[in-house]
């Protein structure tokens, strides 16, 4: 029988923008840009398709890596 995967459950859980912001910034590597509410709202506006199936909520599994990549590829956002 397969045991319960805590990490998988955590990554699939839906979060509000504020909850996701806190979780995203936890244990973030030092050389990565921290997220802000303004940056996450900009990301969501720029990528509406990835929020359709989640009804506008955020999850670590679906969005964290994409936010990391987006912030790293646009260094001008780091000053916000």
PDB file of N, CA and C in Angstrom:
ATOM      1  N   UNK A   1       0.838  -1.179   0.000  1.00  0.00           N
ATOM      2  CA  UNK A   1       0.000   0.000   0.000  1.00  0.00           C
ATOM      3  C   UNK A   1       0.885   1.246   0.000  1.00  0.00           C
ATOM      4  N   UNK A   2       0.497   2.208  -0.795  1.00  0.00           N
ATOM      5  CA  UNK A   2       1.282   3.437  -0.930  1.00  0.00           C
ATOM      6  C   UNK A   2       1.057   4.349   0.277  1.00  0.00           C
ATOM      7  N   UNK A   3       2.143   4.890   0.815  1.00  0.00           N
ATOM      8  CA  UNK A   3       2.014   5.780   1.963  1.00  0.00           C
ATOM      9  C   UNK A   3       1.674   7.206   1.512  1.00  0.00           C
ATOM     10  N   UNK A   4       1.134   7.971   2.413  1.00  0.00           N
ATOM     11  CA  UNK A   4       0.744   9.354   2.141  1.00  0.00           C
ATOM     12  C   UNK A   4       1.986  10.205   1.906  1.00  0.00           C
ATOM     13  N   UNK A   5       1.997  10.947   0.812  1.00  0.00           N
ATOM     14  CA  UNK A   5       3.127  11.790   0.446  1.00  0.00           C
ATOM     15  C   UNK A   5       2.838  13.230   0.887  1.00  0.00           C
ATOM     16  N   UNK A   6       3.444  13.645   1.981  1.00  0.00           N
ATOM     17  CA  UNK A   6       3.209  14.966   2.555  1.00  0.00           C
ATOM     18  C   UNK A   6       3.650  16.078   1.603  1.00  0.00           C
ATOM     19  N   UNK A   7       4.808  15.901   0.964  1.00  0.00           N
ATOM     20  CA  UNK A   7       5.316  16.925   0.045  1.00  0.00           C
ATOM     21  C   UNK A   7       4.401  17.100  -1.164  1.00  0.00           C
ATOM     22  N   UNK A   8       3.901  15.995  -1.691  1.00  0.00           N
ATOM     23  CA  UNK A   8       2.991  16.072  -2.838  1.00  0.00           C
ATOM     24  C   UNK A   8       1.700  16.782  -2.444  1.00  0.00           C
ATOM     25  N   UNK A   9       1.167  16.434  -1.306  1.00  0.00           N
ATOM     26  CA  UNK A   9      -0.062  17.077  -0.834  1.00  0.00           C
ATOM     27  C   UNK A   9       0.158  18.574  -0.635  1.00  0.00           C
ATOM     28  N   UNK A  10       1.289  18.950  -0.073  1.00  0.00           N
ATOM     29  CA  UNK A  10       1.615  20.361   0.155  1.00  0.00           C
ATOM     30  C   UNK A  10       1.732  21.113  -1.172  1.00  0.00           C
ATOM     31  N   UNK A  11       2.331  20.488  -2.168  1.00  0.00           N
ATOM     32  CA  UNK A  11       2.526  21.163  -3.449  1.00  0.00           C
ATOM     33  C   UNK A  11       1.227  21.310  -4.235  1.00  0.00           C
ATOM     34  N   UNK A  12       0.271  20.435  -3.998  1.00  0.00           N
ATOM     35  CA  UNK A  12      -0.992  20.480  -4.726  1.00  0.00           C
ATOM     36  C   UNK A  12      -2.060  21.319  -4.031  1.00  0.00           C
ATOM     37  N   UNK A  13      -1.839  21.677  -2.793  1.00  0.00           N
ATOM     38  CA  UNK A  13      -2.822  22.438  -2.027  1.00  0.00           C
ATOM     39  C   UNK A  13      -3.018  23.834  -2.629  1.00  0.00           C
ATOM     40  N   UNK A  14      -4.272  24.270  -2.694  1.00  0.00           N
ATOM     41  CA  UNK A  14      -4.586  25.606  -3.213  1.00  0.00           C
ATOM     42  C   UNK A  14      -4.381  26.659  -2.131  1.00  0.00           C
ATOM     43  N   UNK A  15      -3.869  27.817  -2.564  1.00  0.00           N
ATOM     44  CA  UNK A  15      -3.574  28.904  -1.627  1.00  0.00           C
ATOM     45  C   UNK A  15      -4.051  30.238  -2.187  1.00  0.00           C
ATOM     46  N   UNK A  16      -4.341  31.148  -1.287  1.00  0.00           N
ATOM     47  CA  UNK A  16      -4.615  32.520  -1.698  1.00  0.00           C
ATOM     48  C   UNK A  16      -3.292  33.155  -2.119  1.00  0.00           C
ATOM     49  N   UNK A  17      -3.362  34.310  -2.730  1.00  0.00           N
ATOM     50  CA  UNK A  17      -2.146  35.005  -3.140  1.00  0.00           C
ATOM     51  C   UNK A  17      -1.235  35.261  -1.930  1.00  0.00           C
ATOM     52  N   UNK A  18      -1.790  35.725  -0.835  1.00  0.00           N
ATOM     53  CA  UNK A  18      -0.992  36.008   0.363  1.00  0.00           C
ATOM     54  C   UNK A  18      -0.324  34.774   0.944  1.00  0.00           C
ATOM     55  N   UNK A  19      -1.052  33.661   0.978  1.00  0.00           N
ATOM     56  CA  UNK A  19      -0.483  32.404   1.475  1.00  0.00           C
ATOM     57  C   UNK A  19       0.642  31.931   0.554  1.00  0.00           C
ATOM     58  N   UNK A  20       0.395  31.995  -0.760  1.00  0.00           N
ATOM     59  CA  UNK A  20       1.415  31.582  -1.714  1.00  0.00           C
ATOM     60  C   UNK A  20       2.659  32.446  -1.572  1.00  0.00           C
ATOM     61  N   UNK A  21       2.473  33.749  -1.406  1.00  0.00           N
ATOM     62  CA  UNK A  21       3.597  34.667  -1.238  1.00  0.00           C
ATOM     63  C   UNK A  21       4.472  34.233  -0.065  1.00  0.00           C
ATOM     64  N   UNK A  22       3.860  33.943   1.061  1.00  0.00           N
ATOM     65  CA  UNK A  22       4.622  33.495   2.238  1.00  0.00           C
ATOM     66  C   UNK A  22       5.348  32.178   1.969  1.00  0.00           C
ATOM     67  N   UNK A  23       4.644  31.216   1.371  1.00  0.00           N
ATOM     68  CA  UNK A  23       5.241  29.914   1.087  1.00  0.00           C
ATOM     69  C   UNK A  23       6.352  30.020   0.044  1.00  0.00           C
ATOM     70  N   UNK A  24       6.131  30.840  -0.981  1.00  0.00           N
ATOM     71  CA  UNK A  24       7.135  31.019  -2.028  1.00  0.00           C
ATOM     72  C   UNK A  24       8.441  31.556  -1.446  1.00  0.00           C
ATOM     73  N   UNK A  25       8.337  32.545  -0.593  1.00  0.00           N
ATOM     74  CA  UNK A  25       9.534  33.192  -0.055  1.00  0.00           C
ATOM     75  C   UNK A  25      10.226  32.387   1.041  1.00  0.00           C
ATOM     76  N   UNK A  26       9.568  31.368   1.582  1.00  0.00           N
ATOM     77  CA  UNK A  26      10.192  30.506   2.589  1.00  0.00           C
ATOM     78  C   UNK A  26      11.288  29.681   1.937  1.00  0.00           C
ATOM     79  N   UNK A  27      12.430  29.640   2.540  1.00  0.00           N
ATOM     80  CA  UNK A  27      13.565  28.819   2.077  1.00  0.00           C
ATOM     81  C   UNK A  27      13.973  29.115   0.638  1.00  0.00           C
ATOM     82  N   UNK A  28      13.737  30.313   0.184  1.00  0.00           N
ATOM     83  CA  UNK A  28      14.126  30.717  -1.164  1.00  0.00           C
ATOM     84  C   UNK A  28      15.641  30.875  -1.209  1.00  0.00           C
ATOM     85  N   UNK A  29      16.291  30.300  -2.217  1.00  0.00           N
ATOM     86  CA  UNK A  29      17.744  30.477  -2.315  1.00  0.00           C
ATOM     87  C   UNK A  29      18.122  31.960  -2.308  1.00  0.00           C
ATOM     88  N   UNK A  30      19.230  32.274  -1.711  1.00  0.00           N
ATOM     89  CA  UNK A  30      19.658  33.660  -1.501  1.00  0.00           C
ATOM     90  C   UNK A  30      19.780  34.448  -2.806  1.00  0.00           C
ATOM     91  N   UNK A  31      20.136  33.785  -3.893  1.00  0.00           N
ATOM     92  CA  UNK A  31      20.343  34.490  -5.153  1.00  0.00           C
ATOM     93  C   UNK A  31      19.078  34.616  -5.999  1.00  0.00           C
ATOM     94  N   UNK A  32      17.937  34.213  -5.460  1.00  0.00           N
ATOM     95  CA  UNK A  32      16.672  34.348  -6.172  1.00  0.00           C
ATOM     96  C   UNK A  32      15.921  35.579  -5.674  1.00  0.00           C
ATOM     97  N   UNK A  33      15.146  36.167  -6.570  1.00  0.00           N
ATOM     98  CA  UNK A  33      14.354  37.343  -6.246  1.00  0.00           C
ATOM     99  C   UNK A  33      13.150  36.941  -5.404  1.00  0.00           C
ATOM    100  N   UNK A  34      12.943  37.617  -4.292  1.00  0.00           N
ATOM    101  CA  UNK A  34      11.756  37.390  -3.479  1.00  0.00           C
ATOM    102  C   UNK A  34      10.538  37.924  -4.215  1.00  0.00           C
ATOM    103  N   UNK A  35       9.422  37.287  -3.991  1.00  0.00           N
ATOM    104  CA  UNK A  35       8.173  37.728  -4.599  1.00  0.00           C
ATOM    105  C   UNK A  35       7.531  38.803  -3.722  1.00  0.00           C
ATOM    106  N   UNK A  36       6.719  39.619  -4.351  1.00  0.00           N
ATOM    107  CA  UNK A  36       5.886  40.608  -3.663  1.00  0.00           C
ATOM    108  C   UNK A  36       4.471  40.441  -4.205  1.00  0.00           C
ATOM    109  N   UNK A  37       3.508  41.038  -3.533  1.00  0.00           N
ATOM    110  CA  UNK A  37       2.132  40.986  -4.023  1.00  0.00           C
ATOM    111  C   UNK A  37       2.063  41.583  -5.424  1.00  0.00           C
ATOM    112  N   UNK A  38       2.714  42.718  -5.635  1.00  0.00           N
ATOM    113  CA  UNK A  38       2.679  43.387  -6.941  1.00  0.00           C
ATOM    114  C   UNK A  38       3.261  42.492  -8.034  1.00  0.00           C
ATOM    115  N   UNK A  39       4.373  41.817  -7.747  1.00  0.00           N
ATOM    116  CA  UNK A  39       4.990  40.940  -8.747  1.00  0.00           C
ATOM    117  C   UNK A  39       4.111  39.729  -9.048  1.00  0.00           C
ATOM    118  N   UNK A  40       3.496  39.161  -8.023  1.00  0.00           N
ATOM    119  CA  UNK A  40       2.624  38.012  -8.254  1.00  0.00           C
ATOM    120  C   UNK A  40       1.386  38.416  -9.050  1.00  0.00           C
ATOM    121  N   UNK A  41       0.852  39.584  -8.776  1.00  0.00           N
ATOM    122  CA  UNK A  41      -0.292  40.065  -9.555  1.00  0.00           C
ATOM    123  C   UNK A  41       0.111  40.291 -11.014  1.00  0.00           C
ATOM    124  N   UNK A  42       1.307  40.823 -11.239  1.00  0.00           N
ATOM    125  CA  UNK A  42       1.810  41.019 -12.597  1.00  0.00           C
ATOM    126  C   UNK A  42       1.988  39.668 -13.297  1.00  0.00           C
ATOM    127  N   UNK A  43       2.538  38.701 -12.587  1.00  0.00           N
ATOM    128  CA  UNK A  43       2.716  37.364 -13.147  1.00  0.00           C
ATOM    129  C   UNK A  43       1.368  36.759 -13.541  1.00  0.00           C
ATOM    130  N   UNK A  44       0.394  36.875 -12.658  1.00  0.00           N
ATOM    131  CA  UNK A  44      -0.925  36.302 -12.922  1.00  0.00           C
ATOM    132  C   UNK A  44      -1.578  36.959 -14.136  1.00  0.00           C
ATOM    133  N   UNK A  45      -1.396  38.257 -14.284  1.00  0.00           N
ATOM    134  CA  UNK A  45      -1.936  38.974 -15.440  1.00  0.00           C
ATOM    135  C   UNK A  45      -1.241  38.527 -16.729  1.00  0.00           C
ATOM    136  N   UNK A  46       0.055  38.312 -16.649  1.00  0.00           N
ATOM    137  CA  UNK A  46       0.838  37.918 -17.821  1.00  0.00           C
ATOM    138  C   UNK A  46       0.622  36.453 -18.226  1.00  0.00           C
ATOM    139  N   UNK A  47       0.149  35.611 -17.308  1.00  0.00           N
ATOM    140  CA  UNK A  47      -0.007  34.171 -17.560  1.00  0.00           C
ATOM    141  C   UNK A  47      -1.396  33.669 -17.144  1.00  0.00           C
ATOM    142  N   UNK A  48      -2.456  34.221 -17.695  1.00  0.00           N
ATOM    143  CA  UNK A  48      -3.804  33.821 -17.252  1.00  0.00           C
ATOM    144  C   UNK A  48      -4.140  32.352 -17.528  1.00  0.00           C
ATOM    145  N   UNK A  49      -3.555  31.772 -18.551  1.00  0.00           N
ATOM    146  CA  UNK A  49      -3.882  30.387 -18.918  1.00  0.00           C
ATOM    147  C   UNK A  49      -3.531  29.389 -17.818  1.00  0.00           C
ATOM    148  N   UNK A  50      -2.467  29.635 -17.067  1.00  0.00           N
ATOM    149  CA  UNK A  50      -2.073  28.649 -16.044  1.00  0.00           C
ATOM    150  C   UNK A  50      -2.927  28.750 -14.779  1.00  0.00           C
ATOM    151  N   UNK A  51      -3.843  29.708 -14.742  1.00  0.00           N
ATOM    152  CA  UNK A  51      -4.733  29.846 -13.588  1.00  0.00           C
ATOM    153  C   UNK A  51      -6.151  29.373 -13.883  1.00  0.00           C
ATOM    154  N   UNK A  52      -6.436  29.031 -15.130  1.00  0.00           N
ATOM    155  CA  UNK A  52      -7.799  28.622 -15.494  1.00  0.00           C
ATOM    156  C   UNK A  52      -8.233  27.372 -14.752  1.00  0.00           C
ATOM    157  N   UNK A  53      -7.389  26.367 -14.708  1.00  0.00           N
ATOM    158  CA  UNK A  53      -7.775  25.111 -14.063  1.00  0.00           C
ATOM    159  C   UNK A  53      -7.791  25.214 -12.535  1.00  0.00           C
ATOM    160  N   UNK A  54      -7.124  26.213 -11.996  1.00  0.00           N
ATOM    161  CA  UNK A  54      -7.067  26.351 -10.534  1.00  0.00           C
ATOM    162  C   UNK A  54      -8.059  27.381 -10.007  1.00  0.00           C
ATOM    163  N   UNK A  55      -8.902  27.908 -10.896  1.00  0.00           N
ATOM    164  CA  UNK A  55      -9.923  28.889 -10.520  1.00  0.00           C
ATOM    165  C   UNK A  55      -9.329  30.110  -9.829  1.00  0.00           C
ATOM    166  N   UNK A  56      -8.145  30.500 -10.277  1.00  0.00           N
ATOM    167  CA  UNK A  56      -7.522  31.711  -9.761  1.00  0.00           C
ATOM    168  C   UNK A  56      -6.697  31.546  -8.503  1.00  0.00           C
ATOM    169  N   UNK A  57      -6.635  30.338  -7.958  1.00  0.00           N
ATOM    170  CA  UNK A  57      -5.830  30.134  -6.757  1.00  0.00           C
ATOM    171  C   UNK A  57      -4.415  29.740  -7.157  1.00  0.00           C
ATOM    172  N   UNK A  58      -3.542  29.737  -6.192  1.00  0.00           N
ATOM    173  CA  UNK A  58      -2.128  29.443  -6.397  1.00  0.00           C
ATOM    174  C   UNK A  58      -1.787  28.104  -5.744  1.00  0.00           C
ATOM    175  N   UNK A  59      -0.817  27.389  -6.313  1.00  0.00           N
ATOM    176  CA  UNK A  59      -0.280  26.188  -5.662  1.00  0.00           C
ATOM    177  C   UNK A  59       1.224  26.154  -5.918  1.00  0.00           C
ATOM    178  N   UNK A  60       1.938  25.585  -4.976  1.00  0.00           N
ATOM    179  CA  UNK A  60       3.392  25.506  -5.119  1.00  0.00           C
ATOM    180  C   UNK A  60       3.769  24.645  -6.314  1.00  0.00           C
ATOM    181  N   UNK A  61       3.070  23.544  -6.506  1.00  0.00           N
ATOM    182  CA  UNK A  61       3.396  22.639  -7.596  1.00  0.00           C
ATOM    183  C   UNK A  61       3.167  23.245  -8.972  1.00  0.00           C
ATOM    184  N   UNK A  62       2.104  24.002  -9.122  1.00  0.00           N
ATOM    185  CA  UNK A  62       1.756  24.549 -10.435  1.00  0.00           C
ATOM    186  C   UNK A  62       2.430  25.882 -10.737  1.00  0.00           C
ATOM    187  N   UNK A  63       2.797  26.641  -9.714  1.00  0.00           N
ATOM    188  CA  UNK A  63       3.221  28.011  -9.969  1.00  0.00           C
ATOM    189  C   UNK A  63       4.609  28.404  -9.460  1.00  0.00           C
ATOM    190  N   UNK A  64       5.133  27.750  -8.453  1.00  0.00           N
ATOM    191  CA  UNK A  64       6.390  28.221  -7.841  1.00  0.00           C
ATOM    192  C   UNK A  64       7.546  28.258  -8.840  1.00  0.00           C
ATOM    193  N   UNK A  65       7.779  27.168  -9.545  1.00  0.00           N
ATOM    194  CA  UNK A  65       8.895  27.122 -10.506  1.00  0.00           C
ATOM    195  C   UNK A  65       8.701  28.148 -11.615  1.00  0.00           C
ATOM    196  N   UNK A  66       7.483  28.302 -12.083  1.00  0.00           N
ATOM    197  CA  UNK A  66       7.221  29.263 -13.155  1.00  0.00           C
ATOM    198  C   UNK A  66       7.453  30.698 -12.682  1.00  0.00           C
ATOM    199  N   UNK A  67       7.070  31.004 -11.446  1.00  0.00           N
ATOM    200  CA  UNK A  67       7.331  32.342 -10.893  1.00  0.00           C
ATOM    201  C   UNK A  67       8.835  32.554 -10.749  1.00  0.00           C
ATOM    202  N   UNK A  68       9.547  31.540 -10.249  1.00  0.00           N
ATOM    203  CA  UNK A  68      11.006  31.649 -10.104  1.00  0.00           C
ATOM    204  C   UNK A  68      11.662  31.963 -11.450  1.00  0.00           C
ATOM    205  N   UNK A  69      11.299  31.200 -12.471  1.00  0.00           N
ATOM    206  CA  UNK A  69      11.877  31.405 -13.803  1.00  0.00           C
ATOM    207  C   UNK A  69      11.532  32.790 -14.335  1.00  0.00           C
ATOM    208  N   UNK A  70      10.300  33.197 -14.177  1.00  0.00           N
ATOM    209  CA  UNK A  70       9.837  34.493 -14.671  1.00  0.00           C
ATOM    210  C   UNK A  70      10.593  35.637 -13.992  1.00  0.00           C
ATOM    211  N   UNK A  71      10.777  35.545 -12.699  1.00  0.00           N
ATOM    212  CA  UNK A  71      11.507  36.592 -11.974  1.00  0.00           C
ATOM    213  C   UNK A  71      12.984  36.623 -12.354  1.00  0.00           C
ATOM    214  N   UNK A  72      13.582  35.464 -12.562  1.00  0.00           N
ATOM    215  CA  UNK A  72      14.997  35.408 -12.922  1.00  0.00           C
ATOM    216  C   UNK A  72      15.251  35.922 -14.337  1.00  0.00           C
ATOM    217  N   UNK A  73      14.291  35.733 -15.240  1.00  0.00           N
ATOM    218  CA  UNK A  73      14.470  36.164 -16.614  1.00  0.00           C
ATOM    219  C   UNK A  73      14.184  37.642 -16.821  1.00  0.00           C
ATOM    220  N   UNK A  74      13.662  38.287 -15.828  1.00  0.00           N
ATOM    221  CA  UNK A  74      13.328  39.710 -15.934  1.00  0.00           C
ATOM    222  C   UNK A  74      13.942  40.468 -14.755  1.00  0.00           C
ATOM    223  N   UNK A  75      15.262  40.678 -14.763  1.00  0.00           N
ATOM    224  CA  UNK A  75      15.943  41.284 -13.623  1.00  0.00           C
ATOM    225  C   UNK A  75      15.452  42.685 -13.274  1.00  0.00           C
ATOM    226  N   UNK A  76      14.847  43.375 -14.220  1.00  0.00           N
ATOM    227  CA  UNK A  76      14.337  44.704 -13.907  1.00  0.00           C
ATOM    228  C   UNK A  76      13.254  44.657 -12.842  1.00  0.00           C
ATOM    229  N   UNK A  77      12.626  43.526 -12.667  1.00  0.00           N
ATOM    230  CA  UNK A  77      11.571  43.390 -11.647  1.00  0.00           C
ATOM    231  C   UNK A  77      12.145  43.345 -10.233  1.00  0.00           C
ATOM    232  N   UNK A  78      13.398  43.005 -10.111  1.00  0.00           N
ATOM    233  CA  UNK A  78      14.020  42.839  -8.790  1.00  0.00           C
ATOM    234  C   UNK A  78      13.990  44.117  -7.975  1.00  0.00           C
ATOM    235  N   UNK A  79      13.978  45.254  -8.617  1.00  0.00           N
ATOM    236  CA  UNK A  79      13.978  46.524  -7.891  1.00  0.00           C
ATOM    237  C   UNK A  79      12.619  46.951  -7.389  1.00  0.00           C
ATOM    238  N   UNK A  80      11.579  46.177  -7.683  1.00  0.00           N
ATOM    239  CA  UNK A  80      10.234  46.569  -7.261  1.00  0.00           C
ATOM    240  C   UNK A  80      10.016  46.263  -5.806  1.00  0.00           C
TER     241      UNK A  80
END
